[in-house]
Amino acid sequence: MNDIDTLKNKIKYRAEYRGHKELDLLLSSFVKNYINQLNLHELNLLIEILNKDDETLYNWYMGKEVKNKIPRNKVSVLLKNFK
């Protein structure tokens, strides 16, 4: 297994087991749809997003005010537009 496969596995796990059911469903579906389309840089952007706490991610996705901003980039735009 190479580094990119290890990173993908880490992302899949982090997306599926957050403890907030709505985020588990949203993020795991997003990751299943996009993980193989993202390059190494984009995967690292995704892991940065996944490292945010559940409340921040949920509020950001729902369009509410958040203290810890989610950087606007290709991955965050894909996630924000994902339904």
PDB file of N, CA and C in Angstrom:
ATOM      1  N   MET A   1       0.852  -1.176   0.000  1.00  0.00           N
ATOM      2  CA  MET A   1       0.000   0.000   0.000  1.00  0.00           C
ATOM      3  C   MET A   1       0.896   1.236   0.000  1.00  0.00           C
ATOM      4  N   ASN A   2       0.558   2.200  -0.855  1.00  0.00           N
ATOM      5  CA  ASN A   2       1.374   3.412  -0.905  1.00  0.00           C
ATOM      6  C   ASN A   2       0.756   4.524  -0.061  1.00  0.00           C
ATOM      7  N   ASP A   3       1.434   5.657  -0.026  1.00  0.00           N
ATOM      8  CA  ASP A   3       1.007   6.776   0.824  1.00  0.00           C
ATOM      9  C   ASP A   3      -0.376   7.300   0.472  1.00  0.00           C
ATOM     10  N   ILE A   4      -0.687   7.360  -0.822  1.00  0.00           N
ATOM     11  CA  ILE A   4      -1.990   7.888  -1.221  1.00  0.00           C
ATOM     12  C   ILE A   4      -3.113   6.933  -0.794  1.00  0.00           C
ATOM     13  N   ASP A   5      -2.866   5.625  -0.863  1.00  0.00           N
ATOM     14  CA  ASP A   5      -3.866   4.657  -0.409  1.00  0.00           C
ATOM     15  C   ASP A   5      -4.076   4.753   1.099  1.00  0.00           C
ATOM     16  N   THR A   6      -3.003   4.961   1.824  1.00  0.00           N
ATOM     17  CA  THR A   6      -3.095   5.136   3.276  1.00  0.00           C
ATOM     18  C   THR A   6      -3.909   6.377   3.606  1.00  0.00           C
ATOM     19  N   LEU A   7      -3.648   7.458   2.897  1.00  0.00           N
ATOM     20  CA  LEU A   7      -4.392   8.697   3.109  1.00  0.00           C
ATOM     21  C   LEU A   7      -5.870   8.499   2.782  1.00  0.00           C
ATOM     22  N   LYS A   8      -6.170   7.813   1.691  1.00  0.00           N
ATOM     23  CA  LYS A   8      -7.561   7.548   1.318  1.00  0.00           C
ATOM     24  C   LYS A   8      -8.270   6.735   2.395  1.00  0.00           C
ATOM     25  N   ASN A   9      -7.597   5.742   2.931  1.00  0.00           N
ATOM     26  CA  ASN A   9      -8.195   4.932   4.005  1.00  0.00           C
ATOM     27  C   ASN A   9      -8.466   5.775   5.252  1.00  0.00           C
ATOM     28  N   LYS A  10      -7.545   6.652   5.575  1.00  0.00           N
ATOM     29  CA  LYS A  10      -7.724   7.542   6.716  1.00  0.00           C
ATOM     30  C   LYS A  10      -8.928   8.456   6.491  1.00  0.00           C
ATOM     31  N   ILE A  11      -9.051   8.986   5.292  1.00  0.00           N
ATOM     32  CA  ILE A  11     -10.169   9.862   4.943  1.00  0.00           C
ATOM     33  C   ILE A  11     -11.489   9.109   5.030  1.00  0.00           C
ATOM     34  N   LYS A  12     -11.528   7.909   4.478  1.00  0.00           N
ATOM     35  CA  LYS A  12     -12.764   7.114   4.523  1.00  0.00           C
ATOM     36  C   LYS A  12     -13.197   6.857   5.960  1.00  0.00           C
ATOM     37  N   TYR A  13     -12.262   6.486   6.793  1.00  0.00           N
ATOM     38  CA  TYR A  13     -12.584   6.207   8.198  1.00  0.00           C
ATOM     39  C   TYR A  13     -13.068   7.476   8.892  1.00  0.00           C
ATOM     40  N   ARG A  14     -12.347   8.570   8.702  1.00  0.00           N
ATOM     41  CA  ARG A  14     -12.694   9.834   9.367  1.00  0.00           C
ATOM     42  C   ARG A  14     -14.062  10.343   8.924  1.00  0.00           C
ATOM     43  N   ALA A  15     -14.415  10.099   7.660  1.00  0.00           N
ATOM     44  CA  ALA A  15     -15.705  10.552   7.140  1.00  0.00           C
ATOM     45  C   ALA A  15     -16.863   9.716   7.680  1.00  0.00           C
ATOM     46  N   GLU A  16     -16.626   8.443   7.933  1.00  0.00           N
ATOM     47  CA  GLU A  16     -17.707   7.534   8.320  1.00  0.00           C
ATOM     48  C   GLU A  16     -17.958   7.462   9.822  1.00  0.00           C
ATOM     49  N   TYR A  17     -16.977   7.764  10.620  1.00  0.00           N
ATOM     50  CA  TYR A  17     -17.094   7.559  12.065  1.00  0.00           C
ATOM     51  C   TYR A  17     -16.805   8.846  12.833  1.00  0.00           C
ATOM     52  N   ARG A  18     -17.692   9.796  12.703  1.00  0.00           N
ATOM     53  CA  ARG A  18     -17.509  11.087  13.359  1.00  0.00           C
ATOM     54  C   ARG A  18     -18.267  11.167  14.673  1.00  0.00           C
ATOM     55  N   GLY A  19     -19.398  10.463  14.774  1.00  0.00           N
ATOM     56  CA  GLY A  19     -20.217  10.526  15.972  1.00  0.00           C
ATOM     57  C   GLY A  19     -21.445  11.400  15.806  1.00  0.00           C
ATOM     58  N   HIS A  20     -21.547  12.098  14.704  1.00  0.00           N
ATOM     59  CA  HIS A  20     -22.697  12.943  14.380  1.00  0.00           C
ATOM     60  C   HIS A  20     -23.328  12.309  13.141  1.00  0.00           C
ATOM     61  N   LYS A  21     -24.456  11.629  13.335  1.00  0.00           N
ATOM     62  CA  LYS A  21     -25.026  10.774  12.293  1.00  0.00           C
ATOM     63  C   LYS A  21     -25.222  11.493  10.957  1.00  0.00           C
ATOM     64  N   GLU A  22     -25.732  12.720  11.001  1.00  0.00           N
ATOM     65  CA  GLU A  22     -25.968  13.451   9.755  1.00  0.00           C
ATOM     66  C   GLU A  22     -24.657  13.680   8.997  1.00  0.00           C
ATOM     67  N   LEU A  23     -23.616  14.036   9.739  1.00  0.00           N
ATOM     68  CA  LEU A  23     -22.308  14.239   9.092  1.00  0.00           C
ATOM     69  C   LEU A  23     -21.723  12.925   8.603  1.00  0.00           C
ATOM     70  N   ASP A  24     -21.913  11.846   9.365  1.00  0.00           N
ATOM     71  CA  ASP A  24     -21.435  10.536   8.915  1.00  0.00           C
ATOM     72  C   ASP A  24     -22.010  10.212   7.537  1.00  0.00           C
ATOM     73  N   LEU A  25     -23.308  10.405   7.391  1.00  0.00           N
ATOM     74  CA  LEU A  25     -23.977  10.098   6.120  1.00  0.00           C
ATOM     75  C   LEU A  25     -23.525  11.018   5.000  1.00  0.00           C
ATOM     76  N   LEU A  26     -23.498  12.303   5.271  1.00  0.00           N
ATOM     77  CA  LEU A  26     -23.089  13.272   4.266  1.00  0.00           C
ATOM     78  C   LEU A  26     -21.646  13.048   3.819  1.00  0.00           C
ATOM     79  N   LEU A  27     -20.742  13.006   4.785  1.00  0.00           N
ATOM     80  CA  LEU A  27     -19.316  12.912   4.453  1.00  0.00           C
ATOM     81  C   LEU A  27     -18.942  11.576   3.844  1.00  0.00           C
ATOM     82  N   SER A  28     -19.515  10.493   4.339  1.00  0.00           N
ATOM     83  CA  SER A  28     -19.179   9.186   3.757  1.00  0.00           C
ATOM     84  C   SER A  28     -19.687   9.098   2.319  1.00  0.00           C
ATOM     85  N   SER A  29     -20.860   9.653   2.032  1.00  0.00           N
ATOM     86  CA  SER A  29     -21.371   9.665   0.651  1.00  0.00           C
ATOM     87  C   SER A  29     -20.492  10.529  -0.243  1.00  0.00           C
ATOM     88  N   PHE A  30     -20.099  11.691   0.263  1.00  0.00           N
ATOM     89  CA  PHE A  30     -19.226  12.575  -0.497  1.00  0.00           C
ATOM     90  C   PHE A  30     -17.903  11.881  -0.829  1.00  0.00           C
ATOM     91  N   VAL A  31     -17.307  11.282   0.186  1.00  0.00           N
ATOM     92  CA  VAL A  31     -16.019  10.615  -0.010  1.00  0.00           C
ATOM     93  C   VAL A  31     -16.152   9.469  -1.015  1.00  0.00           C
ATOM     94  N   LYS A  32     -17.187   8.665  -0.909  1.00  0.00           N
ATOM     95  CA  LYS A  32     -17.385   7.561  -1.862  1.00  0.00           C
ATOM     96  C   LYS A  32     -17.492   8.072  -3.294  1.00  0.00           C
ATOM     97  N   ASN A  33     -18.138   9.230  -3.470  1.00  0.00           N
ATOM     98  CA  ASN A  33     -18.317   9.783  -4.809  1.00  0.00           C
ATOM     99  C   ASN A  33     -17.063  10.429  -5.379  1.00  0.00           C
ATOM    100  N   TYR A  34     -16.243  11.026  -4.544  1.00  0.00           N
ATOM    101  CA  TYR A  34     -15.143  11.862  -5.045  1.00  0.00           C
ATOM    102  C   TYR A  34     -13.728  11.378  -4.746  1.00  0.00           C
ATOM    103  N   ILE A  35     -13.537  10.452  -3.846  1.00  0.00           N
ATOM    104  CA  ILE A  35     -12.173  10.139  -3.379  1.00  0.00           C
ATOM    105  C   ILE A  35     -11.230   9.730  -4.507  1.00  0.00           C
ATOM    106  N   ASN A  36     -11.725   9.013  -5.485  1.00  0.00           N
ATOM    107  CA  ASN A  36     -10.846   8.559  -6.562  1.00  0.00           C
ATOM    108  C   ASN A  36     -10.656   9.602  -7.660  1.00  0.00           C
ATOM    109  N   GLN A  37     -11.335  10.731  -7.541  1.00  0.00           N
ATOM    110  CA  GLN A  37     -11.176  11.821  -8.505  1.00  0.00           C
ATOM    111  C   GLN A  37     -10.234  12.909  -7.987  1.00  0.00           C
ATOM    112  N   LEU A  38      -9.879  12.823  -6.710  1.00  0.00           N
ATOM    113  CA  LEU A  38      -9.047  13.856  -6.098  1.00  0.00           C
ATOM    114  C   LEU A  38      -7.563  13.498  -6.169  1.00  0.00           C
ATOM    115  N   ASN A  39      -6.746  14.505  -6.447  1.00  0.00           N
ATOM    116  CA  ASN A  39      -5.298  14.277  -6.453  1.00  0.00           C
ATOM    117  C   ASN A  39      -4.769  14.395  -5.019  1.00  0.00           C
ATOM    118  N   LEU A  40      -3.483  14.210  -4.842  1.00  0.00           N
ATOM    119  CA  LEU A  40      -2.888  14.217  -3.505  1.00  0.00           C
ATOM    120  C   LEU A  40      -3.116  15.550  -2.789  1.00  0.00           C
ATOM    121  N   HIS A  41      -2.926  16.645  -3.482  1.00  0.00           N
ATOM    122  CA  HIS A  41      -3.147  17.962  -2.873  1.00  0.00           C
ATOM    123  C   HIS A  41      -4.604  18.106  -2.415  1.00  0.00           C
ATOM    124  N   GLU A  42      -5.535  17.708  -3.246  1.00  0.00           N
ATOM    125  CA  GLU A  42      -6.955  17.804  -2.908  1.00  0.00           C
ATOM    126  C   GLU A  42      -7.335  16.872  -1.763  1.00  0.00           C
ATOM    127  N   LEU A  43      -6.715  15.708  -1.706  1.00  0.00           N
ATOM    128  CA  LEU A  43      -6.952  14.798  -0.582  1.00  0.00           C
ATOM    129  C   LEU A  43      -6.488  15.436   0.722  1.00  0.00           C
ATOM    130  N   ASN A  44      -5.366  16.133   0.661  1.00  0.00           N
ATOM    131  CA  ASN A  44      -4.884  16.836   1.855  1.00  0.00           C
ATOM    132  C   ASN A  44      -5.813  17.979   2.252  1.00  0.00           C
ATOM    133  N   LEU A  45      -6.402  18.654   1.283  1.00  0.00           N
ATOM    134  CA  LEU A  45      -7.403  19.684   1.585  1.00  0.00           C
ATOM    135  C   LEU A  45      -8.621  19.058   2.257  1.00  0.00           C
ATOM    136  N   LEU A  46      -9.020  17.894   1.769  1.00  0.00           N
ATOM    137  CA  LEU A  46     -10.167  17.192   2.352  1.00  0.00           C
ATOM    138  C   LEU A  46      -9.881  16.772   3.790  1.00  0.00           C
ATOM    139  N   ILE A  47      -8.707  16.269   4.064  1.00  0.00           N
ATOM    140  CA  ILE A  47      -8.383  15.854   5.433  1.00  0.00           C
ATOM    141  C   ILE A  47      -8.385  17.069   6.364  1.00  0.00           C
ATOM    142  N   GLU A  48      -7.971  18.229   5.870  1.00  0.00           N
ATOM    143  CA  GLU A  48      -8.037  19.450   6.684  1.00  0.00           C
ATOM    144  C   GLU A  48      -9.486  19.778   7.049  1.00  0.00           C
ATOM    145  N   ILE A  49     -10.381  19.617   6.107  1.00  0.00           N
ATOM    146  CA  ILE A  49     -11.803  19.845   6.377  1.00  0.00           C
ATOM    147  C   ILE A  49     -12.307  18.827   7.395  1.00  0.00           C
ATOM    148  N   LEU A  50     -11.952  17.567   7.202  1.00  0.00           N
ATOM    149  CA  LEU A  50     -12.421  16.505   8.097  1.00  0.00           C
ATOM    150  C   LEU A  50     -11.865  16.648   9.511  1.00  0.00           C
ATOM    151  N   ASN A  51     -10.790  17.376   9.663  1.00  0.00           N
ATOM    152  CA  ASN A  51     -10.215  17.593  10.986  1.00  0.00           C
ATOM    153  C   ASN A  51     -10.947  18.681  11.783  1.00  0.00           C
ATOM    154  N   LYS A  52     -11.872  19.375  11.140  1.00  0.00           N
ATOM    155  CA  LYS A  52     -12.688  20.367  11.850  1.00  0.00           C
ATOM    156  C   LYS A  52     -13.681  19.625  12.747  1.00  0.00           C
ATOM    157  N   ASP A  53     -14.115  20.281  13.814  1.00  0.00           N
ATOM    158  CA  ASP A  53     -15.071  19.636  14.709  1.00  0.00           C
ATOM    159  C   ASP A  53     -16.448  19.553  14.041  1.00  0.00           C
ATOM    160  N   ASP A  54     -17.278  18.640  14.543  1.00  0.00           N
ATOM    161  CA  ASP A  54     -18.585  18.374  13.953  1.00  0.00           C
ATOM    162  C   ASP A  54     -19.480  19.609  13.911  1.00  0.00           C
ATOM    163  N   GLU A  55     -19.495  20.361  14.988  1.00  0.00           N
ATOM    164  CA  GLU A  55     -20.352  21.543  15.040  1.00  0.00           C
ATOM    165  C   GLU A  55     -19.970  22.552  13.963  1.00  0.00           C
ATOM    166  N   THR A  56     -18.692  22.779  13.797  1.00  0.00           N
ATOM    167  CA  THR A  56     -18.218  23.706  12.774  1.00  0.00           C
ATOM    168  C   THR A  56     -18.612  23.228  11.385  1.00  0.00           C
ATOM    169  N   LEU A  57     -18.353  21.959  11.102  1.00  0.00           N
ATOM    170  CA  LEU A  57     -18.687  21.416   9.783  1.00  0.00           C
ATOM    171  C   LEU A  57     -20.182  21.468   9.509  1.00  0.00           C
ATOM    172  N   TYR A  58     -20.967  21.063  10.481  1.00  0.00           N
ATOM    173  CA  TYR A  58     -22.418  21.046  10.293  1.00  0.00           C
ATOM    174  C   TYR A  58     -22.943  22.457  10.055  1.00  0.00           C
ATOM    175  N   ASN A  59     -22.542  23.398  10.886  1.00  0.00           N
ATOM    176  CA  ASN A  59     -23.008  24.780  10.728  1.00  0.00           C
ATOM    177  C   ASN A  59     -22.548  25.384   9.410  1.00  0.00           C
ATOM    178  N   TRP A  60     -21.310  25.118   9.027  1.00  0.00           N
ATOM    179  CA  TRP A  60     -20.797  25.605   7.743  1.00  0.00           C
ATOM    180  C   TRP A  60     -21.626  25.043   6.596  1.00  0.00           C
ATOM    181  N   TYR A  61     -21.863  23.747   6.608  1.00  0.00           N
ATOM    182  CA  TYR A  61     -22.619  23.105   5.532  1.00  0.00           C
ATOM    183  C   TYR A  61     -24.046  23.661   5.462  1.00  0.00           C
ATOM    184  N   MET A  62     -24.633  23.940   6.621  1.00  0.00           N
ATOM    185  CA  MET A  62     -26.008  24.455   6.679  1.00  0.00           C
ATOM    186  C   MET A  62     -26.083  25.961   6.426  1.00  0.00           C
ATOM    187  N   GLY A  63     -24.936  26.599   6.231  1.00  0.00           N
ATOM    188  CA  GLY A  63     -24.909  28.017   5.909  1.00  0.00           C
ATOM    189  C   GLY A  63     -25.004  28.933   7.108  1.00  0.00           C
ATOM    190  N   LYS A  64     -24.730  28.391   8.285  1.00  0.00           N
ATOM    191  CA  LYS A  64     -24.771  29.201   9.504  1.00  0.00           C
ATOM    192  C   LYS A  64     -23.390  29.812   9.771  1.00  0.00           C
ATOM    193  N   GLU A  65     -23.355  30.785  10.644  1.00  0.00           N
ATOM    194  CA  GLU A  65     -22.111  31.449  11.026  1.00  0.00           C
ATOM    195  C   GLU A  65     -21.213  30.468  11.786  1.00  0.00           C
ATOM    196  N   VAL A  66     -19.933  30.449  11.443  1.00  0.00           N
ATOM    197  CA  VAL A  66     -18.973  29.590  12.147  1.00  0.00           C
ATOM    198  C   VAL A  66     -17.756  30.402  12.556  1.00  0.00           C
ATOM    199  N   LYS A  67     -17.184  30.035  13.709  1.00  0.00           N
ATOM    200  CA  LYS A  67     -15.971  30.700  14.190  1.00  0.00           C
ATOM    201  C   LYS A  67     -14.761  30.247  13.381  1.00  0.00           C
ATOM    202  N   ASN A  68     -14.612  28.943  13.257  1.00  0.00           N
ATOM    203  CA  ASN A  68     -13.478  28.358  12.534  1.00  0.00           C
ATOM    204  C   ASN A  68     -13.840  28.235  11.061  1.00  0.00           C
ATOM    205  N   LYS A  69     -13.373  29.168  10.285  1.00  0.00           N
ATOM    206  CA  LYS A  69     -13.711  29.211   8.863  1.00  0.00           C
ATOM    207  C   LYS A  69     -13.194  27.981   8.127  1.00  0.00           C
ATOM    208  N   ILE A  70     -13.974  27.549   7.165  1.00  0.00           N
ATOM    209  CA  ILE A  70     -13.560  26.492   6.255  1.00  0.00           C
ATOM    210  C   ILE A  70     -13.005  27.207   5.020  1.00  0.00           C
ATOM    211  N   PRO A  71     -11.735  26.970   4.683  1.00  0.00           N
ATOM    212  CA  PRO A  71     -11.155  27.661   3.522  1.00  0.00           C
ATOM    213  C   PRO A  71     -11.910  27.325   2.237  1.00  0.00           C
ATOM    214  N   ARG A  72     -12.076  28.310   1.396  1.00  0.00           N
ATOM    215  CA  ARG A  72     -12.741  28.088   0.109  1.00  0.00           C
ATOM    216  C   ARG A  72     -11.699  27.563  -0.880  1.00  0.00           C
ATOM    217  N   ASN A  73     -11.924  26.365  -1.362  1.00  0.00           N
ATOM    218  CA  ASN A  73     -11.059  25.748  -2.360  1.00  0.00           C
ATOM    219  C   ASN A  73     -11.901  24.748  -3.149  1.00  0.00           C
ATOM    220  N   LYS A  74     -11.298  24.061  -4.089  1.00  0.00           N
ATOM    221  CA  LYS A  74     -12.050  23.131  -4.938  1.00  0.00           C
ATOM    222  C   LYS A  74     -12.810  22.094  -4.105  1.00  0.00           C
ATOM    223  N   VAL A  75     -12.166  21.542  -3.106  1.00  0.00           N
ATOM    224  CA  VAL A  75     -12.771  20.479  -2.306  1.00  0.00           C
ATOM    225  C   VAL A  75     -13.911  21.013  -1.440  1.00  0.00           C
ATOM    226  N   SER A  76     -13.713  22.155  -0.808  1.00  0.00           N
ATOM    227  CA  SER A  76     -14.779  22.709   0.031  1.00  0.00           C
ATOM    228  C   SER A  76     -15.987  23.118  -0.818  1.00  0.00           C
ATOM    229  N   VAL A  77     -15.752  23.611  -2.030  1.00  0.00           N
ATOM    230  CA  VAL A  77     -16.863  23.959  -2.916  1.00  0.00           C
ATOM    231  C   VAL A  77     -17.612  22.697  -3.336  1.00  0.00           C
ATOM    232  N   LEU A  78     -16.881  21.644  -3.677  1.00  0.00           N
ATOM    233  CA  LEU A  78     -17.543  20.375  -4.025  1.00  0.00           C
ATOM    234  C   LEU A  78     -18.404  19.866  -2.876  1.00  0.00           C
ATOM    235  N   LEU A  79     -17.852  19.915  -1.671  1.00  0.00           N
ATOM    236  CA  LEU A  79     -18.588  19.431  -0.501  1.00  0.00           C
ATOM    237  C   LEU A  79     -19.794  20.314  -0.211  1.00  0.00           C
ATOM    238  N   LYS A  80     -19.625  21.605  -0.261  1.00  0.00           N
ATOM    239  CA  LYS A  80     -20.722  22.534   0.033  1.00  0.00           C
ATOM    240  C   LYS A  80     -21.874  22.338  -0.954  1.00  0.00           C
ATOM    241  N   ASN A  81     -21.570  22.002  -2.199  1.00  0.00           N
ATOM    242  CA  ASN A  81     -22.596  21.817  -3.232  1.00  0.00           C
ATOM    243  C   ASN A  81     -23.118  20.383  -3.297  1.00  0.00           C
ATOM    244  N   PHE A  82     -22.549  19.501  -2.511  1.00  0.00           N
ATOM    245  CA  PHE A  82     -22.941  18.086  -2.544  1.00  0.00           C
ATOM    246  C   PHE A  82     -24.278  17.902  -1.850  1.00  0.00           C
ATOM    247  N   LYS A  83     -25.175  17.222  -2.488  1.00  0.00           N
ATOM    248  CA  LYS A  83     -26.493  16.932  -1.923  1.00  0.00           C
ATOM    249  C   LYS A  83     -26.722  15.451  -1.883  1.00  0.00           C
TER     250      LYS A  83
END
